[in-house]
Amino acid sequence: MSESERAKKSAAVTWLLTDWEIYKKADTVMIYASFGSEVKTDAALEKILSDGKTAAVPLCEGGAEMTARVIRSRDELSPGAYGVPEPPESGPLILKEDIDLIVVPGLGFDKSGYRIGYGKGYYDRYLKDYKGAAVGLCFGACIIDNICRGPHDQKVGFIITENKIITTGN
């Protein structure tokens, strides 16, 4: 996919996300800072901030654990683990039980809400026991019938593509 096509489709995903009732009701949203071929999230992050919501971005820490740190501007992010944009470790920590909506990246998702990531399991560990809404973002061409999954894999309740919002039943 060309960079301009990726940008156009990412804008459509952002519109569906930020027009979604679950997003509108959320006070605190954790969203990934896009990397590689993922759906671009710069505009979504800016919208979260301009809507007056608390924005949190994941920080990969030692022991393959992830925490959520509050940011007030995308300028606070810098390349961290694996080159992924991350907030500073000194940023305010927010507990996952205080997050209303977690936006999850994926190279692909299946129709049940399981994902293909970069293989380190950060999100699977983080989503375990999470009680709020979790939504995956990906391009429609990256939705497949089934993904081979392991016992520790966690699924999201929703997937947003450039064309629709999919409820996975989680």
N, C-alpha and C. Protein backbone atom coordinates (compact mmCIF):
# COMPACT_ATOMS: atom_id res chain seq x y z
N MET A 1 0.85 -1.17 0.00
CA MET A 1 0.00 0.00 0.00
C MET A 1 0.90 1.24 0.00
N SER A 2 0.56 2.19 -0.83
CA SER A 2 1.36 3.42 -0.90
C SER A 2 1.15 4.23 0.38
N GLU A 3 2.07 5.13 0.64
CA GLU A 3 1.97 5.98 1.84
C GLU A 3 0.74 6.87 1.77
N SER A 4 0.40 7.38 0.58
CA SER A 4 -0.79 8.24 0.47
C SER A 4 -2.07 7.43 0.68
N GLU A 5 -2.09 6.19 0.20
CA GLU A 5 -3.26 5.33 0.42
C GLU A 5 -3.38 4.98 1.91
N ARG A 6 -2.25 4.70 2.54
CA ARG A 6 -2.25 4.41 3.98
C ARG A 6 -2.77 5.61 4.77
N ALA A 7 -2.35 6.81 4.39
CA ALA A 7 -2.80 8.03 5.07
C ALA A 7 -4.31 8.22 4.89
N LYS A 8 -4.80 8.00 3.67
CA LYS A 8 -6.23 8.16 3.39
C LYS A 8 -7.07 7.15 4.18
N LYS A 9 -6.64 5.90 4.19
CA LYS A 9 -7.37 4.87 4.93
C LYS A 9 -7.28 5.10 6.43
N SER A 10 -6.13 5.56 6.89
CA SER A 10 -5.96 5.87 8.32
C SER A 10 -6.91 6.99 8.74
N ALA A 11 -7.09 7.98 7.87
CA ALA A 11 -8.02 9.08 8.17
C ALA A 11 -9.44 8.55 8.31
N ALA A 12 -9.82 7.59 7.47
CA ALA A 12 -11.15 7.00 7.55
C ALA A 12 -11.32 6.21 8.86
N VAL A 13 -10.29 5.48 9.26
CA VAL A 13 -10.32 4.74 10.53
C VAL A 13 -10.47 5.73 11.68
N THR A 14 -9.70 6.81 11.65
CA THR A 14 -9.76 7.83 12.70
C THR A 14 -11.16 8.41 12.81
N TRP A 15 -11.78 8.70 11.68
CA TRP A 15 -13.12 9.27 11.71
C TRP A 15 -14.10 8.29 12.36
N LEU A 16 -14.05 7.01 11.96
CA LEU A 16 -14.95 6.03 12.56
C LEU A 16 -14.70 5.89 14.05
N LEU A 17 -13.44 5.87 14.45
CA LEU A 17 -13.10 5.75 15.88
C LEU A 17 -13.66 6.93 16.67
N THR A 18 -13.39 8.13 16.22
CA THR A 18 -13.74 9.32 17.01
C THR A 18 -15.21 9.71 16.89
N ASP A 19 -15.93 9.10 15.96
CA ASP A 19 -17.38 9.30 15.85
C ASP A 19 -18.16 8.20 16.55
N TRP A 20 -17.47 7.23 17.08
CA TRP A 20 -18.03 6.03 17.71
C TRP A 20 -18.54 6.37 19.11
N GLU A 21 -19.68 5.87 19.46
CA GLU A 21 -20.30 6.17 20.76
C GLU A 21 -19.42 5.76 21.94
N ILE A 22 -18.75 4.64 21.86
CA ILE A 22 -17.87 4.20 22.96
C ILE A 22 -16.74 5.20 23.15
N TYR A 23 -16.18 5.70 22.05
CA TYR A 23 -15.13 6.72 22.16
C TYR A 23 -15.71 7.99 22.80
N LYS A 24 -16.87 8.41 22.34
CA LYS A 24 -17.47 9.66 22.85
C LYS A 24 -17.72 9.61 24.35
N LYS A 25 -18.05 8.43 24.88
CA LYS A 25 -18.33 8.27 26.31
C LYS A 25 -17.05 8.11 27.14
N ALA A 26 -15.95 7.81 26.51
CA ALA A 26 -14.69 7.56 27.23
C ALA A 26 -14.07 8.86 27.71
N ASP A 27 -13.63 8.85 28.96
CA ASP A 27 -12.90 9.99 29.50
C ASP A 27 -11.39 9.81 29.31
N THR A 28 -10.94 8.56 29.39
CA THR A 28 -9.51 8.26 29.28
C THR A 28 -9.31 7.21 28.18
N VAL A 29 -8.47 7.55 27.21
CA VAL A 29 -8.21 6.66 26.08
C VAL A 29 -6.72 6.38 26.00
N MET A 30 -6.38 5.10 25.97
CA MET A 30 -4.99 4.70 25.73
C MET A 30 -4.88 4.35 24.25
N ILE A 31 -3.93 4.97 23.56
CA ILE A 31 -3.77 4.74 22.13
C ILE A 31 -2.29 4.56 21.82
N TYR A 32 -2.00 3.66 20.91
CA TYR A 32 -0.62 3.44 20.50
C TYR A 32 -0.16 4.55 19.57
N ALA A 33 1.12 4.82 19.58
CA ALA A 33 1.73 5.72 18.61
C ALA A 33 2.16 4.85 17.43
N SER A 34 1.62 5.13 16.27
CA SER A 34 1.80 4.24 15.11
C SER A 34 3.26 4.12 14.69
N PHE A 35 3.51 2.95 14.10
CA PHE A 35 4.86 2.54 13.73
C PHE A 35 4.75 1.61 12.52
N GLY A 36 5.67 1.71 11.62
CA GLY A 36 5.70 0.79 10.48
C GLY A 36 4.45 0.87 9.63
N SER A 37 3.85 -0.29 9.35
CA SER A 37 2.70 -0.35 8.45
C SER A 37 1.35 -0.29 9.19
N GLU A 38 1.37 0.01 10.49
CA GLU A 38 0.14 0.08 11.26
C GLU A 38 -0.73 1.26 10.79
N VAL A 39 -2.01 1.23 11.17
CA VAL A 39 -2.89 2.38 10.95
C VAL A 39 -2.26 3.57 11.67
N LYS A 40 -2.14 4.69 10.95
CA LYS A 40 -1.55 5.91 11.54
C LYS A 40 -2.50 6.45 12.60
N THR A 41 -1.93 6.83 13.74
CA THR A 41 -2.76 7.31 14.85
C THR A 41 -2.48 8.75 15.25
N ASP A 42 -1.66 9.47 14.52
CA ASP A 42 -1.34 10.86 14.89
C ASP A 42 -2.61 11.71 14.99
N ALA A 43 -3.48 11.63 14.00
CA ALA A 43 -4.71 12.44 13.99
C ALA A 43 -5.65 12.01 15.11
N ALA A 44 -5.73 10.72 15.37
CA ALA A 44 -6.59 10.23 16.46
C ALA A 44 -6.08 10.74 17.81
N LEU A 45 -4.77 10.71 18.01
CA LEU A 45 -4.19 11.21 19.25
C LEU A 45 -4.48 12.70 19.41
N GLU A 46 -4.32 13.45 18.35
CA GLU A 46 -4.63 14.89 18.40
C GLU A 46 -6.10 15.13 18.73
N LYS A 47 -6.99 14.31 18.18
CA LYS A 47 -8.43 14.44 18.44
C LYS A 47 -8.74 14.13 19.90
N ILE A 48 -8.12 13.08 20.44
CA ILE A 48 -8.30 12.74 21.86
C ILE A 48 -7.94 13.94 22.73
N LEU A 49 -6.80 14.53 22.43
CA LEU A 49 -6.33 15.68 23.21
C LEU A 49 -7.26 16.89 23.02
N SER A 50 -7.66 17.17 21.78
CA SER A 50 -8.51 18.35 21.53
C SER A 50 -9.92 18.16 22.09
N ASP A 51 -10.35 16.90 22.25
CA ASP A 51 -11.66 16.63 22.85
C ASP A 51 -11.63 16.75 24.37
N GLY A 52 -10.44 17.03 24.93
CA GLY A 52 -10.32 17.19 26.37
C GLY A 52 -10.28 15.88 27.14
N LYS A 53 -10.04 14.80 26.45
CA LYS A 53 -9.94 13.50 27.10
C LYS A 53 -8.51 13.32 27.64
N THR A 54 -8.35 12.43 28.59
CA THR A 54 -7.02 12.07 29.05
C THR A 54 -6.46 11.08 28.04
N ALA A 55 -5.29 11.40 27.50
CA ALA A 55 -4.64 10.54 26.52
C ALA A 55 -3.48 9.81 27.19
N ALA A 56 -3.45 8.51 27.00
CA ALA A 56 -2.36 7.69 27.51
C ALA A 56 -1.73 6.93 26.35
N VAL A 57 -0.42 6.75 26.43
CA VAL A 57 0.32 6.02 25.41
C VAL A 57 1.13 4.94 26.11
N PRO A 58 1.22 3.74 25.53
CA PRO A 58 1.96 2.67 26.18
C PRO A 58 3.47 2.91 26.21
N LEU A 59 4.06 2.42 27.29
CA LEU A 59 5.51 2.44 27.48
C LEU A 59 5.94 1.02 27.77
N CYS A 60 6.82 0.47 26.92
CA CYS A 60 7.34 -0.87 27.14
C CYS A 60 8.47 -0.79 28.15
N GLU A 61 8.34 -1.59 29.20
CA GLU A 61 9.31 -1.55 30.27
C GLU A 61 10.00 -2.90 30.39
N GLY A 62 10.93 -3.01 31.33
CA GLY A 62 11.66 -4.25 31.54
C GLY A 62 10.73 -5.41 31.83
N GLY A 63 11.18 -6.60 31.56
CA GLY A 63 10.38 -7.79 31.81
C GLY A 63 9.23 -7.96 30.86
N ALA A 64 9.30 -7.31 29.71
CA ALA A 64 8.26 -7.39 28.68
C ALA A 64 6.90 -6.94 29.20
N GLU A 65 6.92 -5.99 30.13
CA GLU A 65 5.68 -5.41 30.65
C GLU A 65 5.44 -4.04 30.02
N MET A 66 4.20 -3.63 30.02
CA MET A 66 3.80 -2.37 29.42
C MET A 66 3.00 -1.59 30.47
N THR A 67 3.23 -0.29 30.52
CA THR A 67 2.43 0.60 31.36
C THR A 67 1.84 1.67 30.47
N ALA A 68 0.89 2.42 31.00
CA ALA A 68 0.28 3.53 30.27
C ALA A 68 0.71 4.83 30.94
N ARG A 69 1.18 5.77 30.12
CA ARG A 69 1.63 7.07 30.63
C ARG A 69 0.80 8.17 29.99
N VAL A 70 0.35 9.11 30.79
CA VAL A 70 -0.45 10.24 30.30
C VAL A 70 0.46 11.21 29.55
N ILE A 71 -0.03 11.68 28.40
CA ILE A 71 0.68 12.73 27.67
C ILE A 71 -0.28 13.87 27.37
N ARG A 72 0.28 15.02 27.13
CA ARG A 72 -0.52 16.20 26.80
C ARG A 72 -0.23 16.71 25.39
N SER A 73 0.79 16.08 24.76
CA SER A 73 1.18 16.47 23.41
C SER A 73 1.94 15.32 22.77
N ARG A 74 1.78 15.18 21.46
CA ARG A 74 2.54 14.16 20.73
C ARG A 74 4.04 14.45 20.79
N ASP A 75 4.40 15.69 21.03
CA ASP A 75 5.80 16.08 21.13
C ASP A 75 6.52 15.41 22.29
N GLU A 76 5.78 14.86 23.24
CA GLU A 76 6.39 14.17 24.38
C GLU A 76 6.92 12.79 24.00
N LEU A 77 6.54 12.29 22.83
CA LEU A 77 6.93 10.94 22.41
C LEU A 77 8.29 10.96 21.73
N SER A 78 9.05 9.87 21.97
CA SER A 78 10.32 9.70 21.28
C SER A 78 10.54 8.20 21.07
N PRO A 79 11.38 7.82 20.10
CA PRO A 79 11.59 6.40 19.84
C PRO A 79 12.08 5.67 21.08
N GLY A 80 11.38 4.58 21.39
CA GLY A 80 11.73 3.78 22.56
C GLY A 80 12.08 2.37 22.13
N ALA A 81 11.57 1.41 22.87
CA ALA A 81 11.83 0.01 22.57
C ALA A 81 11.43 -0.31 21.14
N TYR A 82 12.33 -0.91 20.42
CA TYR A 82 12.07 -1.35 19.04
C TYR A 82 11.81 -0.19 18.09
N GLY A 83 12.12 1.04 18.48
CA GLY A 83 11.91 2.20 17.63
C GLY A 83 10.50 2.75 17.66
N VAL A 84 9.63 2.17 18.47
CA VAL A 84 8.24 2.61 18.58
C VAL A 84 8.18 3.90 19.40
N PRO A 85 7.44 4.92 18.94
CA PRO A 85 7.32 6.15 19.73
C PRO A 85 6.66 5.87 21.09
N GLU A 86 7.30 6.36 22.15
CA GLU A 86 6.82 6.12 23.51
C GLU A 86 6.91 7.40 24.34
N PRO A 87 6.09 7.46 25.40
CA PRO A 87 6.18 8.59 26.33
C PRO A 87 7.40 8.40 27.23
N PRO A 88 7.81 9.45 27.92
CA PRO A 88 8.93 9.30 28.85
C PRO A 88 8.54 8.47 30.07
N GLU A 89 9.50 7.76 30.62
CA GLU A 89 9.26 6.95 31.81
C GLU A 89 8.82 7.82 32.98
N SER A 90 9.20 9.08 32.95
CA SER A 90 8.84 10.01 34.03
C SER A 90 7.41 10.54 33.88
N GLY A 91 6.74 10.20 32.78
CA GLY A 91 5.37 10.66 32.57
C GLY A 91 4.42 10.06 33.59
N PRO A 92 3.31 10.74 33.87
CA PRO A 92 2.35 10.24 34.86
C PRO A 92 1.79 8.87 34.47
N LEU A 93 1.88 7.94 35.40
CA LEU A 93 1.36 6.59 35.22
C LEU A 93 -0.15 6.60 35.41
N ILE A 94 -0.87 5.87 34.56
CA ILE A 94 -2.30 5.69 34.77
C ILE A 94 -2.57 4.19 34.81
N LEU A 95 -3.35 3.77 35.77
CA LEU A 95 -3.65 2.35 35.94
C LEU A 95 -4.67 1.91 34.89
N LYS A 96 -4.55 0.65 34.46
CA LYS A 96 -5.45 0.19 33.40
C LYS A 96 -6.91 0.21 33.83
N GLU A 97 -7.19 0.06 35.12
CA GLU A 97 -8.59 0.13 35.55
C GLU A 97 -9.17 1.54 35.45
N ASP A 98 -8.32 2.52 35.24
CA ASP A 98 -8.77 3.90 35.06
C ASP A 98 -8.88 4.31 33.59
N ILE A 99 -8.64 3.35 32.69
CA ILE A 99 -8.71 3.60 31.24
C ILE A 99 -10.05 3.08 30.73
N ASP A 100 -10.78 3.93 30.03
CA ASP A 100 -12.10 3.55 29.51
C ASP A 100 -12.02 2.80 28.18
N LEU A 101 -11.04 3.17 27.37
CA LEU A 101 -10.92 2.59 26.02
C LEU A 101 -9.44 2.42 25.70
N ILE A 102 -9.08 1.21 25.28
CA ILE A 102 -7.71 0.94 24.84
C ILE A 102 -7.76 0.68 23.33
N VAL A 103 -6.97 1.44 22.59
CA VAL A 103 -6.85 1.28 21.14
C VAL A 103 -5.60 0.46 20.88
N VAL A 104 -5.79 -0.69 20.25
CA VAL A 104 -4.75 -1.71 20.10
C VAL A 104 -4.29 -1.79 18.65
N PRO A 105 -2.97 -1.82 18.43
CA PRO A 105 -2.48 -1.98 17.06
C PRO A 105 -2.52 -3.45 16.64
N GLY A 106 -2.47 -3.66 15.36
CA GLY A 106 -2.36 -5.02 14.86
C GLY A 106 -1.95 -5.02 13.40
N LEU A 107 -1.10 -5.96 13.06
CA LEU A 107 -0.75 -6.14 11.66
C LEU A 107 -1.91 -6.80 10.95
N GLY A 108 -2.73 -7.51 11.72
CA GLY A 108 -3.92 -8.15 11.21
C GLY A 108 -4.76 -8.64 12.37
N PHE A 109 -6.03 -8.85 12.14
CA PHE A 109 -6.96 -9.38 13.14
C PHE A 109 -7.81 -10.44 12.48
N ASP A 110 -8.28 -11.39 13.31
CA ASP A 110 -9.29 -12.30 12.77
C ASP A 110 -10.66 -11.81 13.22
N LYS A 111 -11.68 -12.43 12.70
CA LYS A 111 -13.04 -11.96 12.94
C LYS A 111 -13.49 -12.16 14.39
N SER A 112 -12.73 -12.95 15.15
CA SER A 112 -13.02 -13.14 16.57
C SER A 112 -12.35 -12.10 17.45
N GLY A 113 -11.46 -11.27 16.86
CA GLY A 113 -10.80 -10.23 17.63
C GLY A 113 -9.39 -10.53 18.07
N TYR A 114 -8.86 -11.67 17.64
CA TYR A 114 -7.45 -11.98 17.94
C TYR A 114 -6.56 -11.29 16.93
N ARG A 115 -5.34 -10.99 17.33
CA ARG A 115 -4.47 -10.14 16.51
C ARG A 115 -3.12 -10.77 16.25
N ILE A 116 -2.52 -10.26 15.18
CA ILE A 116 -1.12 -10.53 14.90
C ILE A 116 -0.40 -9.22 15.20
N GLY A 117 0.54 -9.28 16.11
CA GLY A 117 1.34 -8.11 16.45
C GLY A 117 2.78 -8.36 16.04
N TYR A 118 3.68 -7.77 16.79
CA TYR A 118 5.10 -7.96 16.50
C TYR A 118 5.70 -9.10 17.30
N GLY A 119 4.87 -9.85 18.04
CA GLY A 119 5.31 -11.09 18.65
C GLY A 119 5.92 -11.03 20.04
N LYS A 120 5.87 -9.91 20.70
CA LYS A 120 6.46 -9.83 22.04
C LYS A 120 5.43 -10.01 23.15
N GLY A 121 4.13 -9.93 22.84
CA GLY A 121 3.08 -10.20 23.82
C GLY A 121 2.76 -9.08 24.80
N TYR A 122 3.26 -7.87 24.55
CA TYR A 122 3.01 -6.76 25.47
C TYR A 122 1.51 -6.52 25.65
N TYR A 123 0.79 -6.41 24.55
CA TYR A 123 -0.65 -6.13 24.65
C TYR A 123 -1.41 -7.29 25.25
N ASP A 124 -1.03 -8.52 24.95
CA ASP A 124 -1.72 -9.67 25.54
C ASP A 124 -1.60 -9.65 27.06
N ARG A 125 -0.42 -9.37 27.56
CA ARG A 125 -0.25 -9.28 29.01
C ARG A 125 -1.03 -8.10 29.59
N TYR A 126 -1.03 -6.98 28.88
CA TYR A 126 -1.70 -5.79 29.39
C TYR A 126 -3.23 -5.96 29.38
N LEU A 127 -3.76 -6.57 28.35
CA LEU A 127 -5.21 -6.71 28.23
C LEU A 127 -5.80 -7.78 29.16
N LYS A 128 -4.95 -8.66 29.65
CA LYS A 128 -5.44 -9.71 30.56
C LYS A 128 -6.10 -9.03 31.76
N ASP A 129 -7.31 -9.41 32.06
CA ASP A 129 -8.10 -8.89 33.17
C ASP A 129 -8.55 -7.44 32.98
N TYR A 130 -8.37 -6.86 31.80
CA TYR A 130 -8.86 -5.51 31.55
C TYR A 130 -10.37 -5.57 31.37
N LYS A 131 -11.09 -4.68 32.04
CA LYS A 131 -12.56 -4.72 32.04
C LYS A 131 -13.20 -3.70 31.11
N GLY A 132 -12.44 -2.74 30.59
CA GLY A 132 -13.00 -1.71 29.72
C GLY A 132 -13.09 -2.19 28.27
N ALA A 133 -13.35 -1.25 27.38
CA ALA A 133 -13.47 -1.56 25.95
C ALA A 133 -12.09 -1.57 25.30
N ALA A 134 -11.84 -2.57 24.48
CA ALA A 134 -10.59 -2.65 23.71
C ALA A 134 -10.96 -2.77 22.24
N VAL A 135 -10.36 -1.90 21.42
CA VAL A 135 -10.65 -1.88 19.99
C VAL A 135 -9.34 -1.98 19.22
N GLY A 136 -9.32 -2.83 18.22
CA GLY A 136 -8.17 -2.95 17.35
C GLY A 136 -8.36 -2.11 16.11
N LEU A 137 -7.28 -1.50 15.64
CA LEU A 137 -7.31 -0.76 14.39
C LEU A 137 -6.50 -1.51 13.36
N CYS A 138 -7.07 -1.70 12.18
CA CYS A 138 -6.30 -2.27 11.07
C CYS A 138 -7.03 -1.99 9.76
N PHE A 139 -6.35 -2.23 8.69
CA PHE A 139 -6.95 -2.02 7.38
C PHE A 139 -7.80 -3.23 7.02
N GLY A 140 -8.88 -3.00 6.28
CA GLY A 140 -9.81 -4.07 5.93
C GLY A 140 -9.15 -5.26 5.28
N ALA A 141 -8.13 -5.03 4.47
CA ALA A 141 -7.44 -6.14 3.80
C ALA A 141 -6.69 -7.03 4.79
N CYS A 142 -6.56 -6.58 6.03
CA CYS A 142 -5.80 -7.33 7.04
C CYS A 142 -6.71 -8.09 8.00
N ILE A 143 -7.98 -8.21 7.67
CA ILE A 143 -8.92 -9.02 8.44
C ILE A 143 -8.96 -10.40 7.79
N ILE A 144 -8.72 -11.42 8.60
CA ILE A 144 -8.75 -12.79 8.09
C ILE A 144 -9.73 -13.62 8.92
N ASP A 145 -10.03 -14.82 8.44
CA ASP A 145 -11.00 -15.66 9.14
C ASP A 145 -10.50 -16.11 10.50
N ASN A 146 -9.31 -16.67 10.55
CA ASN A 146 -8.77 -17.20 11.80
C ASN A 146 -7.27 -16.98 11.88
N ILE A 147 -6.81 -16.66 13.09
CA ILE A 147 -5.39 -16.53 13.37
C ILE A 147 -5.01 -17.65 14.32
N CYS A 148 -3.91 -18.29 14.06
CA CYS A 148 -3.40 -19.30 14.98
C CYS A 148 -3.05 -18.57 16.28
N ARG A 149 -3.60 -19.03 17.38
CA ARG A 149 -3.38 -18.31 18.63
C ARG A 149 -2.95 -19.26 19.74
N GLY A 150 -2.30 -18.66 20.72
CA GLY A 150 -1.84 -19.41 21.88
C GLY A 150 -2.72 -19.18 23.09
N PRO A 151 -2.45 -19.87 24.17
CA PRO A 151 -3.30 -19.77 25.36
C PRO A 151 -3.25 -18.41 26.05
N HIS A 152 -2.22 -17.62 25.81
CA HIS A 152 -2.10 -16.33 26.47
C HIS A 152 -2.62 -15.17 25.62
N ASP A 153 -2.99 -15.45 24.37
CA ASP A 153 -3.47 -14.39 23.49
C ASP A 153 -4.80 -13.83 23.98
N GLN A 154 -4.92 -12.51 23.91
CA GLN A 154 -6.14 -11.82 24.32
C GLN A 154 -6.80 -11.24 23.08
N LYS A 155 -8.13 -11.17 23.10
CA LYS A 155 -8.82 -10.60 21.96
C LYS A 155 -9.43 -9.26 22.31
N VAL A 156 -9.72 -8.49 21.28
CA VAL A 156 -10.40 -7.21 21.45
C VAL A 156 -11.88 -7.40 21.16
N GLY A 157 -12.70 -6.52 21.73
CA GLY A 157 -14.14 -6.60 21.54
C GLY A 157 -14.63 -6.00 20.24
N PHE A 158 -13.76 -5.14 19.64
CA PHE A 158 -14.14 -4.44 18.42
C PHE A 158 -12.91 -4.27 17.54
N ILE A 159 -13.16 -4.15 16.24
CA ILE A 159 -12.11 -3.84 15.27
C ILE A 159 -12.66 -2.72 14.39
N ILE A 160 -11.84 -1.71 14.15
CA ILE A 160 -12.24 -0.65 13.24
C ILE A 160 -11.30 -0.68 12.04
N THR A 161 -11.90 -0.75 10.86
CA THR A 161 -11.17 -0.67 9.60
C THR A 161 -11.58 0.65 8.93
N GLU A 162 -11.08 0.90 7.75
CA GLU A 162 -11.45 2.12 7.03
C GLU A 162 -12.91 2.11 6.59
N ASN A 163 -13.57 0.94 6.64
CA ASN A 163 -14.94 0.82 6.14
C ASN A 163 -16.01 0.56 7.19
N LYS A 164 -15.60 0.01 8.35
CA LYS A 164 -16.64 -0.39 9.31
C LYS A 164 -16.07 -0.67 10.70
N ILE A 165 -17.01 -0.80 11.63
CA ILE A 165 -16.70 -1.22 12.99
C ILE A 165 -17.24 -2.64 13.13
N ILE A 166 -16.39 -3.54 13.53
CA ILE A 166 -16.75 -4.95 13.69
C ILE A 166 -16.85 -5.25 15.18
N THR A 167 -17.96 -5.82 15.60
CA THR A 167 -18.11 -6.28 16.98
C THR A 167 -17.73 -7.76 16.98
N THR A 168 -16.78 -8.11 17.84
CA THR A 168 -16.27 -9.48 17.84
C THR A 168 -16.96 -10.38 18.85
N GLY A 169 -17.76 -9.80 19.73
CA GLY A 169 -18.47 -10.60 20.70
C GLY A 169 -17.72 -10.76 22.00
N ASN A 170 -16.60 -10.09 22.17
CA ASN A 170 -15.84 -10.20 23.43
C ASN A 170 -16.43 -9.25 24.45
